[in-house]
PDB file of all heavy atoms in Angstrom:
ATOM      1  N   LEU A   1       0.833  -1.224   0.000  1.00  0.00           N
ATOM      2  CA  LEU A   1       0.000   0.000   0.000  1.00  0.00           C
ATOM      3  C   LEU A   1       0.851   1.251   0.000  1.00  0.00           C
ATOM      4  O   LEU A   1       0.620   2.188  -0.770  1.00  0.00           O
ATOM      5  CB  LEU A   1      -0.934   0.012   1.216  1.00  0.00           C
ATOM      6  CG  LEU A   1      -2.325  -0.578   1.049  1.00  0.00           C
ATOM      7  CD1 LEU A   1      -3.005  -0.674   2.399  1.00  0.00           C
ATOM      8  CD2 LEU A   1      -3.140   0.241   0.078  1.00  0.00           C
ATOM      9  N   VAL A   2       1.841   1.255   0.901  1.00  0.00           N
ATOM     10  CA  VAL A   2       2.698   2.438   0.995  1.00  0.00           C
ATOM     11  C   VAL A   2       3.415   2.673  -0.323  1.00  0.00           C
ATOM     12  O   VAL A   2       3.490   3.792  -0.830  1.00  0.00           O
ATOM     13  CB  VAL A   2       3.698   2.293   2.166  1.00  0.00           C
ATOM     14  CG1 VAL A   2       4.703   3.431   2.145  1.00  0.00           C
ATOM     15  CG2 VAL A   2       2.960   2.253   3.484  1.00  0.00           C
ATOM     16  N   ASN A   3       3.957   1.588  -0.861  1.00  0.00           N
ATOM     17  CA  ASN A   3       4.675   1.732  -2.114  1.00  0.00           C
ATOM     18  C   ASN A   3       3.754   2.163  -3.248  1.00  0.00           C
ATOM     19  O   ASN A   3       4.146   2.906  -4.138  1.00  0.00           O
ATOM     20  CB  ASN A   3       5.354   0.398  -2.474  1.00  0.00           C
ATOM     21  CG  ASN A   3       6.490   0.074  -1.524  1.00  0.00           C
ATOM     22  OD1 ASN A   3       7.110   0.969  -0.962  1.00  0.00           O
ATOM     23  ND2 ASN A   3       6.774  -1.225  -1.338  1.00  0.00           N
ATOM     24  N   ALA A   4       2.481   1.677  -3.189  1.00  0.00           N
ATOM     25  CA  ALA A   4       1.545   1.978  -4.275  1.00  0.00           C
ATOM     26  C   ALA A   4       1.200   3.456  -4.354  1.00  0.00           C
ATOM     27  O   ALA A   4       0.930   3.964  -5.437  1.00  0.00           O
ATOM     28  CB  ALA A   4       0.276   1.150  -4.109  1.00  0.00           C
ATOM     29  N   ILE A   5       1.166   4.137  -3.209  1.00  0.00           N
ATOM     30  CA  ILE A   5       0.702   5.542  -3.237  1.00  0.00           C
ATOM     31  C   ILE A   5       1.832   6.544  -3.080  1.00  0.00           C
ATOM     32  O   ILE A   5       1.585   7.753  -3.001  1.00  0.00           O
ATOM     33  CB  ILE A   5      -0.351   5.782  -2.136  1.00  0.00           C
ATOM     34  CG1 ILE A   5       0.259   5.599  -0.751  1.00  0.00           C
ATOM     35  CG2 ILE A   5      -1.540   4.877  -2.322  1.00  0.00           C
ATOM     36  CD1 ILE A   5      -0.684   5.949   0.352  1.00  0.00           C
ATOM     37  N   LYS A   6       3.084   6.060  -3.025  1.00  0.00           N
ATOM     38  CA  LYS A   6       4.196   7.005  -3.010  1.00  0.00           C
ATOM     39  C   LYS A   6       4.159   7.859  -4.283  1.00  0.00           C
ATOM     40  O   LYS A   6       3.900   7.364  -5.371  1.00  0.00           O
ATOM     41  CB  LYS A   6       5.527   6.259  -2.957  1.00  0.00           C
ATOM     42  CG  LYS A   6       5.920   5.767  -1.578  1.00  0.00           C
ATOM     43  CD  LYS A   6       7.284   5.089  -1.614  1.00  0.00           C
ATOM     44  CE  LYS A   6       7.695   4.620  -0.228  1.00  0.00           C
ATOM     45  NZ  LYS A   6       9.015   3.920  -0.248  1.00  0.00           N
ATOM     46  N   GLY A   7       4.425   9.127  -4.087  1.00  0.00           N
ATOM     47  CA  GLY A   7       4.496  10.007  -5.246  1.00  0.00           C
ATOM     48  C   GLY A   7       3.155  10.316  -5.874  1.00  0.00           C
ATOM     49  O   GLY A   7       3.098  10.617  -7.070  1.00  0.00           O
ATOM     50  N   LYS A   8       2.040  10.258  -5.112  1.00  0.00           N
ATOM     51  CA  LYS A   8       0.713  10.541  -5.660  1.00  0.00           C
ATOM     52  C   LYS A   8       0.034  11.749  -4.992  1.00  0.00           C
ATOM     53  O   LYS A   8      -1.144  11.706  -4.657  1.00  0.00           O
ATOM     54  CB  LYS A   8      -0.198   9.329  -5.500  1.00  0.00           C
ATOM     55  CG  LYS A   8       0.196   8.127  -6.355  1.00  0.00           C
ATOM     56  CD  LYS A   8      -0.851   7.043  -6.213  1.00  0.00           C
ATOM     57  CE  LYS A   8      -0.539   5.848  -7.120  1.00  0.00           C
ATOM     58  NZ  LYS A   8      -1.556   4.785  -6.973  1.00  0.00           N
ATOM     59  N   PRO A   9       0.758  12.827  -4.722  1.00  0.00           N
ATOM     60  CA  PRO A   9       0.100  13.977  -4.066  1.00  0.00           C
ATOM     61  C   PRO A   9      -1.033  14.560  -4.896  1.00  0.00           C
ATOM     62  O   PRO A   9      -2.034  15.017  -4.374  1.00  0.00           O
ATOM     63  CB  PRO A   9       1.246  14.978  -3.901  1.00  0.00           C
ATOM     64  CG  PRO A   9       2.255  14.596  -4.948  1.00  0.00           C
ATOM     65  CD  PRO A   9       2.173  13.093  -5.047  1.00  0.00           C
ATOM     66  N   GLN A  10      -0.867  14.526  -6.241  1.00  0.00           N
ATOM     67  CA  GLN A  10      -1.937  15.075  -7.073  1.00  0.00           C
ATOM     68  C   GLN A  10      -3.197  14.238  -6.972  1.00  0.00           C
ATOM     69  O   GLN A  10      -4.306  14.761  -6.943  1.00  0.00           O
ATOM     70  CB  GLN A  10      -1.475  15.143  -8.531  1.00  0.00           C
ATOM     71  CG  GLN A  10      -0.431  16.220  -8.792  1.00  0.00           C
ATOM     72  CD  GLN A  10      -0.071  16.315 -10.263  1.00  0.00           C
ATOM     73  OE1 GLN A  10      -0.381  15.413 -11.055  1.00  0.00           O
ATOM     74  NE2 GLN A  10       0.583  17.414 -10.634  1.00  0.00           N
ATOM     75  N   GLN A  11      -3.009  12.920  -6.897  1.00  0.00           N
ATOM     76  CA  GLN A  11      -4.180  12.057  -6.752  1.00  0.00           C
ATOM     77  C   GLN A  11      -4.838  12.246  -5.390  1.00  0.00           C
ATOM     78  O   GLN A  11      -6.063  12.155  -5.268  1.00  0.00           O
ATOM     79  CB  GLN A  11      -3.772  10.594  -6.984  1.00  0.00           C
ATOM     80  CG  GLN A  11      -3.427  10.310  -8.426  1.00  0.00           C
ATOM     81  CD  GLN A  11      -3.091   8.856  -8.655  1.00  0.00           C
ATOM     82  OE1 GLN A  11      -3.011   8.082  -7.712  1.00  0.00           O
ATOM     83  NE2 GLN A  11      -2.887   8.488  -9.925  1.00  0.00           N
ATOM     84  N   ALA A  12      -4.030  12.515  -4.345  1.00  0.00           N
ATOM     85  CA  ALA A  12      -4.597  12.811  -3.030  1.00  0.00           C
ATOM     86  C   ALA A  12      -5.447  14.076  -3.096  1.00  0.00           C
ATOM     87  O   ALA A  12      -6.540  14.152  -2.508  1.00  0.00           O
ATOM     88  CB  ALA A  12      -3.487  12.980  -1.995  1.00  0.00           C
ATOM     89  N   GLU A  13      -4.946  15.085  -3.834  1.00  0.00           N
ATOM     90  CA  GLU A  13      -5.714  16.317  -3.978  1.00  0.00           C
ATOM     91  C   GLU A  13      -7.036  16.047  -4.702  1.00  0.00           C
ATOM     92  O   GLU A  13      -8.066  16.609  -4.364  1.00  0.00           O
ATOM     93  CB  GLU A  13      -4.905  17.359  -4.748  1.00  0.00           C
ATOM     94  CG  GLU A  13      -3.760  17.965  -3.949  1.00  0.00           C
ATOM     95  CD  GLU A  13      -4.259  18.712  -2.719  1.00  0.00           C
ATOM     96  OE1 GLU A  13      -5.353  19.308  -2.781  1.00  0.00           O
ATOM     97  OE2 GLU A  13      -3.545  18.693  -1.699  1.00  0.00           O
ATOM     98  N   ARG A  14      -6.982  15.175  -5.712  1.00  0.00           N
ATOM     99  CA  ARG A  14      -8.209  14.871  -6.447  1.00  0.00           C
ATOM    100  C   ARG A  14      -9.233  14.189  -5.544  1.00  0.00           C
ATOM    101  O   ARG A  14     -10.434  14.433  -5.654  1.00  0.00           O
ATOM    102  CB  ARG A  14      -7.884  13.980  -7.646  1.00  0.00           C
ATOM    103  CG  ARG A  14      -7.102  14.693  -8.751  1.00  0.00           C
ATOM    104  CD  ARG A  14      -6.802  13.749  -9.882  1.00  0.00           C
ATOM    105  NE  ARG A  14      -5.886  14.385 -10.835  1.00  0.00           N
ATOM    106  CZ  ARG A  14      -4.849  13.778 -11.384  1.00  0.00           C
ATOM    107  NH1 ARG A  14      -4.588  12.508 -11.097  1.00  0.00           N
ATOM    108  NH2 ARG A  14      -4.078  14.409 -12.240  1.00  0.00           N
ATOM    109  N   VAL A  15      -8.739  13.292  -4.680  1.00  0.00           N
ATOM    110  CA  VAL A  15      -9.652  12.655  -3.734  1.00  0.00           C
ATOM    111  C   VAL A  15     -10.267  13.709  -2.815  1.00  0.00           C
ATOM    112  O   VAL A  15     -11.480  13.700  -2.548  1.00  0.00           O
ATOM    113  CB  VAL A  15      -8.930  11.572  -2.910  1.00  0.00           C
ATOM    114  CG1 VAL A  15      -9.879  10.997  -1.858  1.00  0.00           C
ATOM    115  CG2 VAL A  15      -8.421  10.461  -3.807  1.00  0.00           C
ATOM    116  N   GLY A  16      -9.413  14.616  -2.330  1.00  0.00           N
ATOM    117  CA  GLY A  16      -9.920  15.669  -1.449  1.00  0.00           C
ATOM    118  C   GLY A  16     -10.983  16.519  -2.112  1.00  0.00           C
ATOM    119  O   GLY A  16     -12.024  16.833  -1.520  1.00  0.00           O
ATOM    120  N   VAL A  17     -10.738  16.893  -3.387  1.00  0.00           N
ATOM    121  CA  VAL A  17     -11.718  17.691  -4.127  1.00  0.00           C
ATOM    122  C   VAL A  17     -13.016  16.907  -4.315  1.00  0.00           C
ATOM    123  O   VAL A  17     -14.121  17.440  -4.173  1.00  0.00           O
ATOM    124  CB  VAL A  17     -11.140  18.117  -5.490  1.00  0.00           C
ATOM    125  CG1 VAL A  17     -12.232  18.739  -6.365  1.00  0.00           C
ATOM    126  CG2 VAL A  17     -10.007  19.107  -5.295  1.00  0.00           C
ATOM    127  N   ALA A  18     -12.884  15.610  -4.601  1.00  0.00           N
ATOM    128  CA  ALA A  18     -14.080  14.787  -4.786  1.00  0.00           C
ATOM    129  C   ALA A  18     -14.880  14.682  -3.492  1.00  0.00           C
ATOM    130  O   ALA A  18     -16.123  14.683  -3.516  1.00  0.00           O
ATOM    131  CB  ALA A  18     -13.676  13.399  -5.277  1.00  0.00           C
ATOM    132  N   ILE A  19     -14.165  14.556  -2.352  1.00  0.00           N
ATOM    133  CA  ILE A  19     -14.854  14.522  -1.061  1.00  0.00           C
ATOM    134  C   ILE A  19     -15.618  15.821  -0.845  1.00  0.00           C
ATOM    135  O   ILE A  19     -16.803  15.824  -0.452  1.00  0.00           O
ATOM    136  CB  ILE A  19     -13.848  14.284   0.086  1.00  0.00           C
ATOM    137  CG1 ILE A  19     -13.310  12.852   0.042  1.00  0.00           C
ATOM    138  CG2 ILE A  19     -14.511  14.556   1.442  1.00  0.00           C
ATOM    139  CD1 ILE A  19     -12.198  12.592   1.043  1.00  0.00           C
ATOM    140  N   GLU A  20     -14.959  16.949  -1.100  1.00  0.00           N
ATOM    141  CA  GLU A  20     -15.590  18.248  -0.887  1.00  0.00           C
ATOM    142  C   GLU A  20     -16.826  18.416  -1.774  1.00  0.00           C
ATOM    143  O   GLU A  20     -17.897  18.833  -1.309  1.00  0.00           O
ATOM    144  CB  GLU A  20     -14.586  19.367  -1.160  1.00  0.00           C
ATOM    145  CG  GLU A  20     -13.467  19.447  -0.128  1.00  0.00           C
ATOM    146  CD  GLU A  20     -12.422  20.491  -0.483  1.00  0.00           C
ATOM    147  OE1 GLU A  20     -12.639  21.227  -1.473  1.00  0.00           O
ATOM    148  OE2 GLU A  20     -11.400  20.552   0.220  1.00  0.00           O
ATOM    149  N   MET A  21     -16.658  18.063  -3.040  1.00  0.00           N
ATOM    150  CA  MET A  21     -17.784  18.230  -3.966  1.00  0.00           C
ATOM    151  C   MET A  21     -18.938  17.309  -3.587  1.00  0.00           C
ATOM    152  O   MET A  21     -20.108  17.705  -3.652  1.00  0.00           O
ATOM    153  CB  MET A  21     -17.320  17.949  -5.393  1.00  0.00           C
ATOM    154  CG  MET A  21     -16.370  18.989  -5.938  1.00  0.00           C
ATOM    155  SD  MET A  21     -15.795  18.616  -7.613  1.00  0.00           S
ATOM    156  CE  MET A  21     -17.331  18.730  -8.518  1.00  0.00           C
ATOM    157  N   GLY A  22     -18.615  16.100  -3.183  1.00  0.00           N
ATOM    158  CA  GLY A  22     -19.672  15.173  -2.797  1.00  0.00           C
ATOM    159  C   GLY A  22     -20.428  15.636  -1.569  1.00  0.00           C
ATOM    160  O   GLY A  22     -21.664  15.574  -1.521  1.00  0.00           O
ATOM    161  N   LEU A  23     -19.682  16.101  -0.571  1.00  0.00           N
ATOM    162  CA  LEU A  23     -20.335  16.582   0.648  1.00  0.00           C
ATOM    163  C   LEU A  23     -21.146  17.841   0.380  1.00  0.00           C
ATOM    164  O   LEU A  23     -22.263  17.998   0.905  1.00  0.00           O
ATOM    165  CB  LEU A  23     -19.287  16.846   1.736  1.00  0.00           C
ATOM    166  CG  LEU A  23     -18.826  15.629   2.530  1.00  0.00           C
ATOM    167  CD1 LEU A  23     -17.637  15.999   3.430  1.00  0.00           C
ATOM    168  CD2 LEU A  23     -19.964  15.064   3.382  1.00  0.00           C
ATOM    169  N   GLU A  24     -20.617  18.761  -0.420  1.00  0.00           N
ATOM    170  CA  GLU A  24     -21.348  19.983  -0.727  1.00  0.00           C
ATOM    171  C   GLU A  24     -22.661  19.666  -1.451  1.00  0.00           C
ATOM    172  O   GLU A  24     -23.709  20.250  -1.153  1.00  0.00           O
ATOM    173  CB  GLU A  24     -20.485  20.911  -1.583  1.00  0.00           C
ATOM    174  CG  GLU A  24     -19.322  21.541  -0.827  1.00  0.00           C
ATOM    175  CD  GLU A  24     -18.330  22.242  -1.748  1.00  0.00           C
ATOM    176  OE1 GLU A  24     -18.710  22.529  -2.910  1.00  0.00           O
ATOM    177  OE2 GLU A  24     -17.189  22.469  -1.325  1.00  0.00           O
ATOM    178  N   ALA A  25     -22.589  18.749  -2.403  1.00  0.00           N
ATOM    179  CA  ALA A  25     -23.808  18.366  -3.125  1.00  0.00           C
ATOM    180  C   ALA A  25     -24.801  17.678  -2.196  1.00  0.00           C
ATOM    181  O   ALA A  25     -26.019  17.894  -2.298  1.00  0.00           O
ATOM    182  CB  ALA A  25     -23.444  17.433  -4.285  1.00  0.00           C
ATOM    183  N   LEU A  26     -24.286  16.863  -1.268  1.00  0.00           N
ATOM    184  CA  LEU A  26     -25.160  16.177  -0.312  1.00  0.00           C
ATOM    185  C   LEU A  26     -25.886  17.177   0.571  1.00  0.00           C
ATOM    186  O   LEU A  26     -27.103  17.075   0.794  1.00  0.00           O
ATOM    187  CB  LEU A  26     -24.327  15.216   0.536  1.00  0.00           C
ATOM    188  CG  LEU A  26     -25.109  14.285   1.461  1.00  0.00           C
ATOM    189  CD1 LEU A  26     -25.833  13.223   0.632  1.00  0.00           C
ATOM    190  CD2 LEU A  26     -24.175  13.638   2.490  1.00  0.00           C
ATOM    191  N   VAL A  27     -25.155  18.160   1.076  1.00  0.00           N
ATOM    192  CA  VAL A  27     -25.753  19.191   1.931  1.00  0.00           C
ATOM    193  C   VAL A  27     -26.799  19.983   1.150  1.00  0.00           C
ATOM    194  O   VAL A  27     -27.925  20.214   1.628  1.00  0.00           O
ATOM    195  CB  VAL A  27     -24.669  20.131   2.493  1.00  0.00           C
ATOM    196  CG1 VAL A  27     -25.313  21.347   3.169  1.00  0.00           C
ATOM    197  CG2 VAL A  27     -23.769  19.389   3.480  1.00  0.00           C
ATOM    198  N   ALA A  28     -26.443  20.407  -0.053  1.00  0.00           N
ATOM    199  CA  ALA A  28     -27.370  21.209  -0.853  1.00  0.00           C
ATOM    200  C   ALA A  28     -28.649  20.427  -1.166  1.00  0.00           C
ATOM    201  O   ALA A  28     -29.759  20.976  -1.095  1.00  0.00           O
ATOM    202  CB  ALA A  28     -26.692  21.649  -2.146  1.00  0.00           C
ATOM    203  N   ASP A  29     -28.493  19.147  -1.504  1.00  0.00           N
ATOM    204  CA  ASP A  29     -29.659  18.333  -1.837  1.00  0.00           C
ATOM    205  C   ASP A  29     -30.609  18.217  -0.651  1.00  0.00           C
ATOM    206  O   ASP A  29     -31.831  18.411  -0.797  1.00  0.00           O
ATOM    207  CB  ASP A  29     -29.196  16.942  -2.280  1.00  0.00           C
ATOM    208  CG  ASP A  29     -30.370  16.036  -2.609  1.00  0.00           C
ATOM    209  OD1 ASP A  29     -31.155  16.376  -3.510  1.00  0.00           O
ATOM    210  OD2 ASP A  29     -30.511  14.987  -1.948  1.00  0.00           O
ATOM    211  N   HIS A  30     -30.081  17.918   0.521  1.00  0.00           N
ATOM    212  CA  HIS A  30     -30.942  17.784   1.709  1.00  0.00           C
ATOM    213  C   HIS A  30     -31.559  19.121   2.104  1.00  0.00           C
ATOM    214  O   HIS A  30     -32.720  19.173   2.526  1.00  0.00           O
ATOM    215  CB  HIS A  30     -30.144  17.183   2.870  1.00  0.00           C
ATOM    216  CG  HIS A  30     -29.945  15.698   2.760  1.00  0.00           C
ATOM    217  ND1 HIS A  30     -29.058  15.133   1.884  1.00  0.00           N
ATOM    218  CD2 HIS A  30     -30.543  14.662   3.405  1.00  0.00           C
ATOM    219  CE1 HIS A  30     -29.097  13.810   1.998  1.00  0.00           C
ATOM    220  NE2 HIS A  30     -29.996  13.503   2.915  1.00  0.00           N
ATOM    221  N   ALA A  31     -30.802  20.203   1.959  1.00  0.00           N
ATOM    222  CA  ALA A  31     -31.331  21.527   2.313  1.00  0.00           C
ATOM    223  C   ALA A  31     -32.431  21.951   1.352  1.00  0.00           C
ATOM    224  O   ALA A  31     -33.453  22.520   1.762  1.00  0.00           O
ATOM    225  CB  ALA A  31     -30.210  22.559   2.318  1.00  0.00           C
ATOM    226  N   GLU A  32     -32.259  21.690   0.074  1.00  0.00           N
ATOM    227  CA  GLU A  32     -33.278  22.041  -0.918  1.00  0.00           C
ATOM    228  C   GLU A  32     -34.575  21.274  -0.644  1.00  0.00           C
ATOM    229  O   GLU A  32     -35.666  21.843  -0.672  1.00  0.00           O
ATOM    230  CB  GLU A  32     -32.781  21.736  -2.328  1.00  0.00           C
ATOM    231  CG  GLU A  32     -31.705  22.679  -2.836  1.00  0.00           C
ATOM    232  CD  GLU A  32     -32.234  24.056  -3.219  1.00  0.00           C
ATOM    233  OE1 GLU A  32     -33.466  24.265  -3.144  1.00  0.00           O
ATOM    234  OE2 GLU A  32     -31.418  24.921  -3.590  1.00  0.00           O
ATOM    235  N   ARG A  33     -34.442  19.986  -0.401  1.00  0.00           N
ATOM    236  CA  ARG A  33     -35.647  19.178  -0.162  1.00  0.00           C
ATOM    237  C   ARG A  33     -36.346  19.589   1.133  1.00  0.00           C
ATOM    238  O   ARG A  33     -37.577  19.635   1.192  1.00  0.00           O
ATOM    239  CB  ARG A  33     -35.276  17.698  -0.131  1.00  0.00           C
ATOM    240  CG  ARG A  33     -35.065  17.116  -1.518  1.00  0.00           C
ATOM    241  CD  ARG A  33     -34.913  15.615  -1.469  1.00  0.00           C
ATOM    242  NE  ARG A  33     -33.602  15.224  -0.973  1.00  0.00           N
ATOM    243  CZ  ARG A  33     -33.283  14.005  -0.562  1.00  0.00           C
ATOM    244  NH1 ARG A  33     -34.204  13.059  -0.543  1.00  0.00           N
ATOM    245  NH2 ARG A  33     -32.059  13.723  -0.155  1.00  0.00           N
ATOM    246  N   ALA A  34     -35.554  19.891   2.166  1.00  0.00           N
ATOM    247  CA  ALA A  34     -36.161  20.323   3.433  1.00  0.00           C
ATOM    248  C   ALA A  34     -36.896  21.642   3.260  1.00  0.00           C
ATOM    249  O   ALA A  34     -38.021  21.818   3.761  1.00  0.00           O
ATOM    250  CB  ALA A  34     -35.082  20.452   4.512  1.00  0.00           C
ATOM    251  N   ALA A  35     -36.280  22.591   2.541  1.00  0.00           N
ATOM    252  CA  ALA A  35     -36.912  23.902   2.341  1.00  0.00           C
ATOM    253  C   ALA A  35     -38.214  23.755   1.567  1.00  0.00           C
ATOM    254  O   ALA A  35     -39.242  24.360   1.919  1.00  0.00           O
ATOM    255  CB  ALA A  35     -35.960  24.835   1.602  1.00  0.00           C
ATOM    256  N   ALA A  36     -38.194  22.950   0.514  1.00  0.00           N
ATOM    257  CA  ALA A  36     -39.406  22.767  -0.286  1.00  0.00           C
ATOM    258  C   ALA A  36     -40.510  22.100   0.533  1.00  0.00           C
ATOM    259  O   ALA A  36     -41.680  22.493   0.451  1.00  0.00           O
ATOM    260  CB  ALA A  36     -39.081  21.920  -1.523  1.00  0.00           C
ATOM    261  N   THR A  37     -40.134  21.115   1.345  1.00  0.00           N
ATOM    262  CA  THR A  37     -41.134  20.413   2.163  1.00  0.00           C
ATOM    263  C   THR A  37     -41.725  21.331   3.222  1.00  0.00           C
ATOM    264  O   THR A  37     -42.948  21.365   3.427  1.00  0.00           O
ATOM    265  CB  THR A  37     -40.482  19.189   2.839  1.00  0.00           C
ATOM    266  OG1 THR A  37     -39.946  18.320   1.837  1.00  0.00           O
ATOM    267  CG2 THR A  37     -41.505  18.426   3.672  1.00  0.00           C
ATOM    268  N   ALA A  38     -40.869  22.095   3.911  1.00  0.00           N
ATOM    269  CA  ALA A  38     -41.352  22.999   4.970  1.00  0.00           C
ATOM    270  C   ALA A  38     -42.241  24.096   4.385  1.00  0.00           C
ATOM    271  O   ALA A  38     -43.291  24.427   4.941  1.00  0.00           O
ATOM    272  CB  ALA A  38     -40.174  23.605   5.719  1.00  0.00           C
TER     273      ALA A  38
END
């Protein structure tokens, strides 16, 4: 595992961006549905 991910900082950044985008979309989706329902 360690050897497999050595030298992959750019891929780590991509994972981080994907996490952020996924969480932001999740929050927005739940907030939109809650607002419409209320």
